[in-house]
Protein backbone atom coordinates (compact mmCIF):
# COMPACT_ATOMS: atom_id res chain seq x y z
CA MET A 1 53.57 27.10 111.19
CA SER A 2 55.21 30.12 109.59
CA ASP A 3 57.74 31.99 111.69
CA SER A 4 57.00 35.23 109.91
CA PHE A 5 53.78 37.28 110.25
CA THR A 6 52.65 40.63 108.65
CA HIS A 7 50.45 43.04 110.29
CA VAL A 8 49.12 46.24 108.56
CA THR A 9 47.84 49.27 110.34
CA SER A 10 46.52 52.63 109.23
CA GLN A 11 46.51 56.12 110.84
CA SER A 12 44.42 58.99 109.74
CA TRP A 13 45.79 62.42 109.03
CA PHE A 14 43.91 64.02 112.01
CA SER A 15 45.29 61.38 114.32
CA ARG A 16 48.86 62.02 113.07
CA ILE A 17 48.35 65.73 113.60
CA GLY A 18 47.28 64.95 117.11
CA ASP A 19 50.29 62.79 117.81
CA SER A 20 52.72 65.30 116.33
CA ILE A 21 51.31 68.05 118.53
CA LYS A 22 51.75 65.79 121.63
CA GLY A 23 55.30 65.14 120.46
CA ILE A 24 56.16 68.75 120.81
CA PHE A 25 56.17 68.43 124.57
CA PHE A 26 58.40 65.42 124.51
CA GLY A 27 60.59 67.14 122.00
CA LEU A 28 60.99 70.16 124.21
CA ILE A 29 62.05 67.98 127.13
CA LEU A 30 64.67 66.19 125.00
CA PHE A 31 65.93 69.44 123.51
CA VAL A 32 66.25 71.23 126.86
CA ALA A 33 67.78 68.24 128.52
CA ALA A 34 70.52 67.97 125.96
CA PHE A 35 72.15 71.27 127.17
CA PRO A 36 72.86 70.22 130.79
CA PHE A 37 73.72 66.76 129.65
CA LEU A 38 76.39 68.13 127.25
CA PHE A 39 77.66 70.58 129.95
CA TRP A 40 77.89 67.79 132.55
CA ASN A 41 79.75 65.53 130.14
CA GLU A 42 82.46 68.19 129.53
CA GLY A 43 82.93 68.73 133.23
CA ARG A 44 83.14 64.94 133.81
CA ALA A 45 85.58 64.38 130.97
CA ILE A 46 87.97 67.21 132.17
CA GLU A 47 87.80 66.20 135.76
CA THR A 48 88.50 62.55 134.82
CA GLU A 49 91.39 63.58 132.59
CA LYS A 50 92.87 65.83 135.27
CA SER A 51 92.41 63.08 137.90
CA LEU A 52 94.26 60.55 135.80
CA GLU A 53 97.05 63.06 135.10
CA GLU A 54 97.28 63.67 138.86
CA GLY A 55 97.41 59.89 139.51
CA ALA A 56 100.07 59.27 136.83
CA ALA A 57 102.19 61.95 138.38
CA ALA A 58 101.72 60.59 141.94
CA VAL A 59 101.96 56.83 141.31
CA VAL A 60 104.85 54.94 142.88
CA SER A 61 106.00 51.52 141.70
CA ILE A 62 106.56 49.03 144.44
CA GLN A 63 107.32 45.33 145.00
CA ALA A 64 104.65 42.85 146.12
CA GLN A 65 107.07 41.04 148.38
CA ALA A 66 107.22 43.67 151.13
CA VAL A 67 104.69 45.99 152.65
CA ILE A 68 106.36 49.34 153.28
CA PRO A 69 104.45 51.49 155.88
CA ALA A 70 105.92 54.70 154.33
CA ASN A 71 103.65 54.01 151.33
CA GLU A 72 100.51 54.05 153.28
CA GLY A 73 97.82 56.04 151.51
CA LYS A 74 100.07 56.62 148.51
CA LEU A 75 98.95 55.64 145.03
CA VAL A 76 101.05 52.54 144.14
CA HIS A 77 101.60 50.28 141.18
CA LEU A 78 102.70 46.67 141.40
CA THR A 79 102.69 43.55 139.16
CA ASP A 80 102.74 40.03 140.54
CA LEU A 81 100.92 36.69 140.77
CA ALA A 82 97.36 36.94 142.07
CA THR A 83 96.71 33.62 143.72
CA THR A 84 94.63 31.83 146.32
CA SER A 85 94.56 28.49 148.27
CA GLU A 86 90.80 28.49 148.51
CA GLN A 87 88.63 25.74 147.01
CA LEU A 88 85.49 26.98 145.24
CA GLN A 89 82.66 24.53 145.02
CA ASP A 90 79.36 24.07 143.26
CA VAL A 91 77.66 21.24 145.06
CA GLN A 92 74.84 20.86 142.56
CA PHE A 93 77.29 19.79 139.91
CA ASN A 94 80.03 18.28 142.05
CA ILE A 95 82.68 20.78 140.96
CA LYS A 96 85.53 21.80 143.18
CA VAL A 97 88.48 23.92 141.90
CA GLN A 98 91.24 26.01 143.43
CA ALA A 99 90.56 29.26 141.66
CA ILE A 100 90.03 32.96 142.14
CA SER A 101 86.52 32.57 140.84
CA LEU A 102 84.05 29.97 139.54
CA LEU A 103 81.40 30.85 137.07
CA ARG A 104 78.30 28.93 136.11
CA THR A 105 76.54 29.92 132.92
CA VAL A 106 73.00 28.65 132.21
CA GLN A 107 71.32 29.16 128.77
CA VAL A 108 67.82 28.24 127.66
CA TYR A 109 66.63 27.66 124.05
CA GLN A 110 63.87 30.21 123.34
CA TRP A 111 61.92 32.11 120.80
CA LYS A 112 63.10 35.65 120.03
CA GLU A 113 60.81 38.19 118.33
CA SER A 114 62.14 40.81 115.96
CA SER A 115 60.17 43.19 113.76
CA GLU A 116 60.58 45.41 110.73
CA SER A 117 58.14 48.20 109.79
CA LYS A 118 57.63 50.10 106.60
CA THR A 119 55.34 53.23 106.57
CA GLU A 120 53.86 54.55 103.37
CA LYS A 121 52.17 57.91 103.04
CA GLU A 122 48.91 58.13 101.21
CA MET A 123 47.03 60.98 99.56
CA GLY A 124 45.19 62.96 102.16
CA GLY A 125 47.83 62.62 104.89
CA SER A 126 47.04 59.13 106.25
CA THR A 127 49.65 56.48 106.51
CA LYS A 128 49.73 52.73 106.15
CA THR A 129 52.31 50.82 108.24
CA THR A 130 53.30 47.26 107.34
CA THR A 131 55.11 45.41 110.18
CA THR A 132 56.75 42.05 109.66
CA TYR A 133 57.29 40.04 112.84
CA ASN A 134 60.02 37.30 112.63
CA TYR A 135 60.51 34.59 115.17
CA SER A 136 63.83 32.76 115.60
CA LYS A 137 65.27 30.30 118.10
CA VAL A 138 68.16 31.44 120.19
CA TRP A 139 70.19 30.40 123.18
CA SER A 140 69.91 33.02 126.02
CA SER A 141 71.02 33.26 129.54
CA ARG A 142 67.94 35.39 130.37
CA LEU A 143 64.38 34.27 130.06
CA VAL A 144 62.49 35.95 127.15
CA SER A 145 58.89 36.66 128.04
CA SER A 146 56.68 35.53 125.15
CA SER A 147 53.61 37.11 126.62
CA SER A 148 54.60 40.41 124.95
CA PHE A 149 54.94 38.74 121.45
CA ARG A 150 52.61 39.90 118.74
CA HIS A 151 51.96 36.28 117.86
CA GLU A 152 52.46 34.20 121.08
CA GLU A 153 50.63 31.21 119.68
CA GLY A 154 53.21 28.69 118.62
CA HIS A 155 56.03 30.75 120.18
CA LYS A 156 55.63 30.22 123.89
CA ASN A 157 58.77 30.30 125.96
CA PRO A 158 59.43 28.60 129.32
CA THR A 159 58.72 30.69 132.40
CA HIS A 160 61.52 29.34 134.56
CA MET A 161 64.96 27.82 134.50
CA PRO A 162 65.75 24.58 136.27
CA TYR A 163 69.10 25.93 137.28
CA GLN A 164 70.30 29.51 137.74
CA GLY A 165 73.60 31.12 136.72
CA ASN A 166 75.95 31.73 139.63
CA SER A 167 79.42 32.99 140.55
CA TRP A 168 81.67 32.11 143.47
CA TYR A 169 84.69 34.25 144.49
CA ALA A 170 87.55 33.45 146.74
CA GLY A 171 87.56 35.45 150.00
CA SER A 172 91.37 35.70 150.13
CA VAL A 173 93.46 36.45 147.05
CA THR A 174 96.99 37.54 147.63
CA MET A 175 99.82 39.27 145.72
CA GLY A 176 103.08 38.59 147.50
CA ASP A 177 102.48 40.07 150.97
CA PHE A 178 99.44 42.01 149.91
CA SER A 179 95.75 40.91 149.90
CA LEU A 180 93.28 42.09 147.32
CA ASN A 181 89.96 43.68 148.31
CA PRO A 182 86.67 42.21 146.92
CA ALA A 183 86.36 44.84 144.17
CA LEU A 184 89.80 44.04 142.77
CA ILE A 185 89.12 40.29 142.97
CA ARG A 186 86.00 40.66 140.82
CA GLU A 187 88.06 42.60 138.28
CA ILE A 188 90.14 39.56 137.47
CA ASN A 189 88.09 38.08 134.70
CA ASN A 190 90.49 36.24 132.35
CA SER A 191 88.70 32.92 132.60
CA GLN A 192 89.09 29.52 131.02
CA ARG A 193 86.50 26.85 130.23
CA ILE A 194 86.11 23.81 132.53
CA VAL A 195 85.52 20.60 130.60
CA LEU A 196 82.99 18.52 132.55
CA SER A 197 82.78 14.74 133.00
CA ASP A 198 80.03 12.28 133.95
CA LYS A 199 80.71 12.97 137.70
CA ASN A 200 79.37 16.45 137.18
CA LEU A 201 75.97 15.45 135.96
CA PRO A 202 73.24 16.20 138.60
CA GLU A 203 71.54 13.26 140.11
CA ASN A 204 68.02 12.23 139.29
CA SER A 205 67.95 14.25 136.01
CA ASN A 206 67.90 13.52 132.33
CA ALA A 207 71.04 15.57 131.74
CA VAL A 208 73.77 14.39 129.41
CA LEU A 209 77.22 15.57 128.41
CA VAL A 210 77.74 17.38 125.12
CA ASP A 211 81.16 18.76 124.29
CA GLY A 212 82.07 18.99 128.00
CA GLU A 213 78.81 20.83 128.94
CA VAL A 214 75.72 19.72 130.77
CA TYR A 215 72.73 19.45 128.36
CA ILE A 216 69.12 18.92 129.42
CA GLY A 217 66.84 18.10 126.50
CA THR A 218 67.47 16.63 123.09
CA PRO A 219 70.93 17.79 121.82
CA GLU A 220 70.48 16.09 118.41
CA SER A 221 67.49 18.26 117.69
CA PRO A 222 67.25 21.25 120.21
CA GLN A 223 63.69 22.08 121.29
CA ILE A 224 62.37 25.20 123.00
CA GLY A 225 63.07 24.81 126.71
CA ASP A 226 66.24 22.90 126.32
CA VAL A 227 69.01 23.90 128.70
CA ARG A 228 72.81 23.97 128.43
CA ILE A 229 75.14 24.69 131.36
CA ASN A 230 78.84 25.41 131.21
CA PHE A 231 81.48 26.42 133.74
CA SER A 232 84.55 28.53 133.72
CA GLU A 233 87.20 29.42 136.21
CA VAL A 234 89.66 32.26 136.87
CA LYS A 235 92.97 30.65 137.73
CA PRO A 236 95.84 32.33 139.60
CA GLN A 237 97.57 34.69 137.09
CA LEU A 238 99.73 37.68 136.72
CA VAL A 239 97.94 41.04 137.22
CA SER A 240 98.90 44.80 137.50
CA ILE A 241 97.29 47.04 139.96
CA VAL A 242 97.22 50.77 140.51
CA ALA A 243 95.48 51.72 143.82
CA ALA A 244 96.09 53.33 147.20
CA GLN A 245 97.96 51.24 149.70
CA TYR A 246 95.90 50.49 152.75
CA GLY A 247 97.67 48.38 155.30
CA ASN A 248 98.54 45.12 153.52
CA SER A 249 95.72 45.69 151.04
CA PHE A 250 94.46 48.36 148.70
CA THR A 251 91.64 50.93 148.41
CA SER A 252 90.55 53.64 145.99
CA PHE A 253 92.84 56.63 145.68
CA ILE A 254 90.78 59.84 145.82
CA THR A 255 92.17 62.69 143.76
CA SER A 256 91.88 66.43 144.48
CA TYR A 257 88.96 66.40 142.04
CA GLY A 258 86.99 63.94 144.21
CA GLN A 259 87.36 61.06 141.73
CA SER A 260 88.62 57.60 142.65
CA ILE A 261 91.42 55.59 141.05
CA GLN A 262 91.60 51.80 141.44
CA LEU A 263 92.72 49.92 138.40
CA LEU A 264 93.46 46.31 137.61
CA THR A 265 94.45 44.60 134.37
CA THR A 266 95.71 41.15 133.65
CA GLY A 267 99.36 40.62 132.63
CA THR A 268 102.50 42.68 133.22
CA VAL A 269 101.46 46.28 132.39
CA SER A 270 103.36 49.40 133.44
CA ALA A 271 101.70 52.29 135.19
CA VAL A 272 102.17 54.49 132.23
CA GLU A 273 100.35 52.08 129.98
CA MET A 274 97.54 51.67 132.43
CA PHE A 275 96.90 55.34 132.70
CA LYS A 276 97.19 55.76 128.93
CA SER A 277 94.54 53.11 128.55
CA GLU A 278 92.23 54.91 131.00
CA LEU A 279 92.77 58.19 129.13
CA SER A 280 91.80 56.61 125.89
CA LYS A 281 88.65 55.08 127.50
CA ASN A 282 87.73 58.58 128.77
CA THR A 283 88.19 60.07 125.32
CA LEU A 284 85.97 57.42 123.70
CA LEU A 285 83.28 57.87 126.41
CA THR A 286 83.40 61.66 126.05
CA TRP A 287 82.92 61.59 122.25
CA GLY A 288 80.16 58.91 122.61
CA LEU A 289 78.30 61.13 125.15
CA ARG A 290 78.79 64.21 122.93
CA PHE A 291 77.22 62.40 120.02
CA LEU A 292 74.40 61.21 122.32
CA GLY A 293 73.72 64.83 123.37
CA PHE A 294 73.76 65.93 119.74
CA ILE A 295 71.24 63.16 118.80
CA LEU A 296 68.96 64.11 121.76
CA MET A 297 68.91 67.68 120.47
CA VAL A 298 68.25 66.65 116.85
CA ILE A 299 65.37 64.34 117.90
CA GLY A 300 63.92 67.00 120.17
CA LEU A 301 63.96 69.65 117.38
CA SER A 302 62.60 67.13 114.84
CA LEU A 303 59.62 66.42 117.11
CA ILE A 304 59.00 70.18 117.66
CA LEU A 305 59.01 70.72 113.91
CA ARG A 306 57.20 67.58 113.01
CA PRO A 307 53.62 69.14 112.80
CA LEU A 308 54.86 71.08 109.74
CA SER A 309 55.75 67.99 107.67
CA VAL A 310 52.57 66.23 108.89
CA LEU A 311 50.43 69.16 107.73
CA GLY A 312 52.18 68.96 104.36
CA ASP A 313 51.48 65.27 104.08
CA VAL A 314 48.06 65.95 102.71
CA VAL A 315 50.10 65.84 99.49
CA PRO A 316 52.83 63.23 100.28
CA PHE A 317 55.36 64.89 97.90
CA ILE A 318 55.13 68.18 99.75
CA GLY A 319 55.29 66.42 103.16
CA ASN A 320 58.41 64.59 102.10
CA ILE A 321 60.10 67.86 101.16
CA LEU A 322 59.15 69.51 104.46
CA GLU A 323 60.32 66.39 106.35
CA ILE A 324 63.77 66.57 104.68
CA GLY A 325 63.86 70.35 105.28
CA THR A 326 63.02 70.16 108.95
CA GLY A 327 65.55 67.33 109.31
CA LEU A 328 68.25 69.45 107.83
CA VAL A 329 67.34 72.47 109.92
CA SER A 330 67.20 70.21 113.09
CA GLY A 331 70.71 68.84 112.30
CA ILE A 332 72.34 72.24 111.51
CA ILE A 333 70.88 74.08 114.53
CA SER A 334 71.73 71.04 116.87
CA PHE A 335 75.33 70.99 115.49
CA ILE A 336 75.78 74.67 116.22
CA LEU A 337 74.16 74.54 119.62
CA THR A 338 76.20 71.43 120.57
CA LEU A 339 79.47 73.23 119.77
CA LEU A 340 78.35 76.29 121.63
CA THR A 341 77.36 74.33 124.67
CA ILE A 342 80.69 72.47 124.69
CA ALA A 343 82.53 75.76 124.29
CA ILE A 344 80.79 77.44 127.23
CA ALA A 345 81.48 74.42 129.42
CA TRP A 346 85.12 74.55 128.56
CA ILE A 347 85.41 78.18 129.34
CA PHE A 348 85.48 77.20 132.94
CA TYR A 349 88.36 74.76 132.34
CA ARG A 350 90.26 75.50 129.21
CA PRO A 351 89.57 78.95 127.73
CA ILE A 352 91.92 78.56 124.75
CA VAL A 353 90.05 75.46 123.49
CA ALA A 354 86.70 77.20 124.08
CA ILE A 355 87.87 80.17 121.95
CA VAL A 356 88.71 77.69 119.15
CA LEU A 357 85.29 76.08 119.33
CA ILE A 358 83.48 79.39 119.32
CA SER A 359 85.54 80.35 116.26
CA VAL A 360 84.35 77.21 114.50
CA VAL A 361 80.74 78.06 115.33
CA ILE A 362 81.23 81.62 114.02
CA GLY A 363 82.96 80.43 110.93
CA THR A 364 80.06 77.95 110.23
CA LEU A 365 77.51 80.68 110.66
CA TYR A 366 79.58 82.98 108.31
CA TYR A 367 79.91 80.23 105.72
CA LEU A 368 76.17 79.61 105.77
CA LYS A 369 75.42 83.30 105.44
CA ARG A 370 77.82 83.60 102.47
CA LYS A 371 76.28 80.53 100.92
CA VAL A 372 72.82 82.00 101.13
CA LYS A 373 74.00 85.37 99.81
CA THR A 374 75.88 83.68 96.86
CA LYS A 375 72.75 81.67 96.01
CA LYS A 376 70.63 84.84 95.89
CA LEU A 377 73.15 86.63 93.70
CA GLU A 378 73.11 83.63 91.28
CA ASN A 379 69.37 83.72 91.14
CA VAL A 380 69.46 87.49 90.33
CA GLU A 381 72.13 86.96 87.64
CA MET A 382 70.12 84.11 86.15
CA ALA A 383 67.05 86.22 86.04
CA GLY A 384 69.01 89.08 84.37
CA VAL A 385 70.33 86.76 81.71
CA SER A 386 66.85 85.42 80.97
CA SER A 387 65.55 89.00 80.68
CA VAL A 388 68.34 89.95 78.26
CA GLY A 389 67.78 86.90 76.12
CA LYS A 390 64.12 87.71 75.48
CA PRO A 391 63.10 89.55 72.30
CA PRO A 392 62.09 93.15 72.74
CA PRO A 393 58.40 93.75 72.88
CA PRO A 394 56.68 94.94 69.63
CA PRO A 395 56.16 98.67 69.33
CA PRO A 396 52.74 99.94 70.18
CA GLY A 397 50.20 100.31 67.40
């Protein structure tokens, strides 16, 4: 049976007009929502940055071998071996390890559907959409529902797993004289694979070992529904922590901006490096959300203007020109409004930067105005040259 299917659908011009009009409402929602989203992101970014700067200025480096009461409530930094004496156990697979965490990963061999669509405009405004559905076999730790597949026949997936993925964490992990709270324990994720042996095979099953993993099915020729199970553990290791000292443990440090700081990274990392890393993450997130806000605005305006291009699709060539035009208009307007929104948000926090951003917007508008004016002058000059080049009209009579 082929693993690729093609499906062709058509939509009339009147139906497209109706859909585009309905899309205006959704476009307005996206367009309007982009403004508070962008404004919120700037406030979040600046508060996070200032909170991290506050933390970097307040942090105190300490030794893990002694709990000093005078540091109670202070933001502290320390590096030491995070270790535990607890034994973590998975009784189903007869695994017992001394570790900070034990992780069981279960994957099932399943069908995965992907699709590609190509839409062609036809004279009169209707469209023809050709969608190709492709089916491939993949290993996945989540069940993929085949009931939503376009062609479920011959591509049915199992509806349950014989075993579920699981995680076990030590209840007591120490660093010198300190104990880590559950949130910090879960942050230690530098794991290593556990190579299994015959003793780890579950009883009364057709499971076998393949490259140190449990395999249920036919490893020589994987079939839909086959299962593979592997384990990993987080062993005792060096970690660096920045958090508020709370007795002989730690808790989140709350800044004057109401944000919490509780950081952990594996290895020996200074407080300065840890805060620099967090500042970099904040910058990346900020730009990512700015771009998302811009895209929301572009999509919203495009949906609002879409009826124009659909109306023009009676003649596909005209519709394509209108579609390109409305896309450019949406992009330019969204770019300008995005900068203005960011600038307005920053007025409350950093007026100098806000002035710079507003200047960029004004400069962009001025450039566009000059561009249009220059284009008009060129057209006038071209018209004048054409007029001069023509032979004079013959005299009357």
